[in-house]
Amino acid sequence: MTDPIRSLDDLAPGMAWDLGTLTLSLEEVVAFASKYDPQYFHLDAETAKESIFGELVASGLHTLSAVFGRVMGSGLLSAVSLGGNQIDTKWPAPLRPGEEIAIRTEVVEVRPSRTGRSLGIAKLRHTARRLSDNVIVLDALGTHFLRR
């Protein structure tokens, strides 16, 4: 568990936290895809050979969900999170089942509310990097509403 941020005012661009690693198993990848992203290259290893990936890969939506789950579950934002309204997401490389990824969150921008309310906006970049080759598989810039 990471020490929680206590206020938006405690943040500054460039601050970053390493939030550990995770691995999505083949069973998890197929189960998620079956329910939420039923494309053949997430569901069946044999037919996935015919895809642009050449093999079965995790859904980008699954990767995003798992990483965001780790960020929220870390406790980092638990005392200040008021939700958010945007995540700009890129999947520069595929994630295969069984590959371990490292999660990192970095502060990109901090802006107090202009209305004088006791909240503000933080733009946080959440990345996931494959440990095997250091390649980024997720780059998500989230707009978070945080307490001051």
Protein backbone atom coordinates (compact mmCIF):
# COMPACT_ATOMS: atom_id res chain seq x y z
CA MET A 1 0.00 0.00 0.00
CA THR A 2 1.24 3.47 -0.92
CA ASP A 3 0.96 6.40 1.48
CA PRO A 4 -2.15 8.28 0.43
CA ILE A 5 -2.07 11.79 -0.95
CA ARG A 6 -3.76 14.06 1.60
CA SER A 7 -4.56 17.04 -0.64
CA LEU A 8 -4.37 18.20 -4.23
CA ASP A 9 -2.00 20.85 -2.86
CA ASP A 10 0.55 18.14 -2.01
CA LEU A 11 1.03 17.37 -5.71
CA ALA A 12 3.46 18.90 -8.18
CA PRO A 13 4.28 18.01 -11.79
CA GLY A 14 6.99 15.39 -11.99
CA MET A 15 6.05 13.53 -8.81
CA ALA A 16 5.72 9.80 -9.48
CA TRP A 17 4.90 6.53 -7.76
CA ASP A 18 5.78 2.97 -8.72
CA LEU A 19 2.73 0.86 -7.86
CA GLY A 20 4.09 -2.63 -8.28
CA THR A 21 3.56 -5.22 -10.94
CA LEU A 22 0.76 -7.42 -12.20
CA THR A 23 0.21 -10.21 -14.66
CA LEU A 24 -2.96 -11.11 -16.54
CA SER A 25 -3.37 -14.87 -16.89
CA LEU A 26 -4.72 -16.52 -20.02
CA GLU A 27 -7.90 -17.39 -18.11
CA GLU A 28 -8.38 -13.76 -17.03
CA VAL A 29 -7.74 -12.44 -20.54
CA VAL A 30 -10.27 -14.80 -22.12
CA ALA A 31 -12.87 -14.25 -19.38
CA PHE A 32 -12.65 -10.45 -19.68
CA ALA A 33 -12.78 -10.56 -23.46
CA SER A 34 -15.70 -12.99 -23.45
CA LYS A 35 -17.73 -10.53 -21.42
CA TYR A 36 -16.50 -7.09 -22.50
CA ASP A 37 -14.40 -7.24 -25.69
CA PRO A 38 -15.24 -10.40 -27.64
CA GLN A 39 -12.79 -10.06 -30.50
CA TYR A 40 -11.20 -13.24 -31.81
CA PHE A 41 -7.61 -12.18 -31.05
CA HIS A 42 -8.52 -11.93 -27.34
CA LEU A 43 -10.45 -15.20 -27.23
CA ASP A 44 -8.83 -17.95 -29.26
CA ALA A 45 -5.10 -18.60 -29.64
CA GLU A 46 -5.50 -20.50 -32.90
CA THR A 47 -7.57 -17.90 -34.77
CA ALA A 48 -5.53 -15.08 -33.20
CA LYS A 49 -2.59 -16.29 -35.32
CA GLU A 50 -4.40 -14.71 -38.28
CA SER A 51 -4.66 -11.30 -36.58
CA ILE A 52 -2.30 -8.34 -36.86
CA PHE A 53 -0.83 -9.53 -33.54
CA GLY A 54 -0.13 -13.06 -34.73
CA GLU A 55 -1.14 -14.42 -31.34
CA LEU A 56 -3.68 -14.03 -28.55
CA VAL A 57 -3.34 -10.71 -26.70
CA ALA A 58 -5.11 -9.03 -23.80
CA SER A 59 -7.81 -6.50 -24.54
CA GLY A 60 -6.56 -2.95 -24.17
CA LEU A 61 -9.69 -2.29 -22.13
CA HIS A 62 -8.66 -5.10 -19.78
CA THR A 63 -5.16 -3.68 -19.47
CA LEU A 64 -6.59 -0.23 -18.69
CA SER A 65 -9.03 -1.66 -16.15
CA ALA A 66 -6.36 -3.73 -14.41
CA VAL A 67 -3.94 -0.79 -14.22
CA PHE A 68 -6.63 1.61 -13.00
CA GLY A 69 -7.70 -0.99 -10.45
CA ARG A 70 -4.12 -1.12 -9.19
CA VAL A 71 -3.90 2.69 -8.99
CA MET A 72 -7.16 2.95 -7.04
CA GLY A 73 -6.41 -0.11 -4.91
CA SER A 74 -2.98 1.22 -3.96
CA GLY A 75 -4.53 3.79 -1.62
CA LEU A 76 -2.65 6.62 -3.32
CA LEU A 77 -5.82 8.59 -4.14
CA SER A 78 -8.23 7.11 -1.60
CA ALA A 79 -8.37 10.17 0.69
CA VAL A 80 -8.78 12.73 -2.11
CA SER A 81 -10.46 11.16 -5.14
CA LEU A 82 -13.73 12.74 -6.26
CA GLY A 83 -13.87 10.95 -9.61
CA GLY A 84 -12.78 12.14 -13.02
CA ASN A 85 -14.07 12.91 -16.47
CA GLN A 86 -11.49 11.85 -19.03
CA ILE A 87 -8.84 9.26 -19.80
CA ASP A 88 -6.81 9.67 -23.00
CA THR A 89 -5.48 6.20 -23.65
CA LYS A 90 -2.85 4.72 -25.94
CA TRP A 91 -1.82 1.09 -26.31
CA PRO A 92 1.57 1.36 -28.03
CA ALA A 93 2.24 -2.39 -27.85
CA PRO A 94 0.21 -5.52 -27.10
CA LEU A 95 0.18 -7.34 -23.79
CA ARG A 96 0.22 -11.11 -23.95
CA PRO A 97 -1.20 -13.33 -21.22
CA GLY A 98 1.38 -14.14 -18.58
CA GLU A 99 3.56 -11.07 -19.20
CA GLU A 100 4.39 -9.10 -16.08
CA ILE A 101 3.92 -5.33 -16.25
CA ALA A 102 5.10 -2.55 -13.93
CA ILE A 103 2.63 0.21 -13.07
CA ARG A 104 3.66 3.85 -12.61
CA THR A 105 1.66 7.02 -11.95
CA GLU A 106 3.12 10.47 -12.60
CA VAL A 107 1.72 13.95 -12.00
CA VAL A 108 1.54 15.92 -15.25
CA GLU A 109 -0.53 18.95 -14.20
CA VAL A 110 -2.20 20.32 -11.06
CA ARG A 111 -4.85 23.02 -11.18
CA PRO A 112 -6.92 24.28 -8.21
CA SER A 113 -10.59 25.01 -8.84
CA ARG A 114 -11.23 28.46 -10.28
CA THR A 115 -14.53 28.65 -8.41
CA GLY A 116 -12.92 28.68 -4.98
CA ARG A 117 -14.25 25.22 -4.15
CA SER A 118 -12.06 22.95 -2.08
CA LEU A 119 -11.09 20.75 -4.99
CA GLY A 120 -9.03 20.83 -8.13
CA ILE A 121 -7.90 18.90 -11.15
CA ALA A 122 -4.84 16.72 -11.45
CA LYS A 123 -3.76 15.20 -14.73
CA LEU A 124 -2.06 11.93 -13.91
CA ARG A 125 -0.28 9.68 -16.39
CA HIS A 126 -0.69 5.97 -15.67
CA THR A 127 1.71 3.72 -17.54
CA ALA A 128 2.28 -0.01 -17.74
CA ARG A 129 5.60 -1.33 -19.00
CA ARG A 130 6.44 -4.95 -19.83
CA LEU A 131 9.24 -6.11 -17.57
CA SER A 132 10.63 -8.51 -20.18
CA ASP A 133 11.63 -5.77 -22.64
CA ASN A 134 10.72 -2.45 -20.95
CA VAL A 135 8.14 -1.65 -23.66
CA ILE A 136 5.13 0.46 -22.72
CA VAL A 137 1.82 -1.36 -23.26
CA LEU A 138 -0.43 1.33 -21.76
CA ASP A 139 -0.13 5.11 -21.59
CA ALA A 140 -3.24 6.69 -20.04
CA LEU A 141 -3.56 10.36 -19.13
CA GLY A 142 -6.41 10.74 -16.66
CA THR A 143 -8.16 13.90 -15.52
CA HIS A 144 -8.88 13.42 -11.81
CA PHE A 145 -10.97 15.63 -9.51
CA LEU A 146 -9.21 15.73 -6.13
CA ARG A 147 -9.95 17.32 -2.72
CA ARG A 148 -7.82 20.15 -1.44
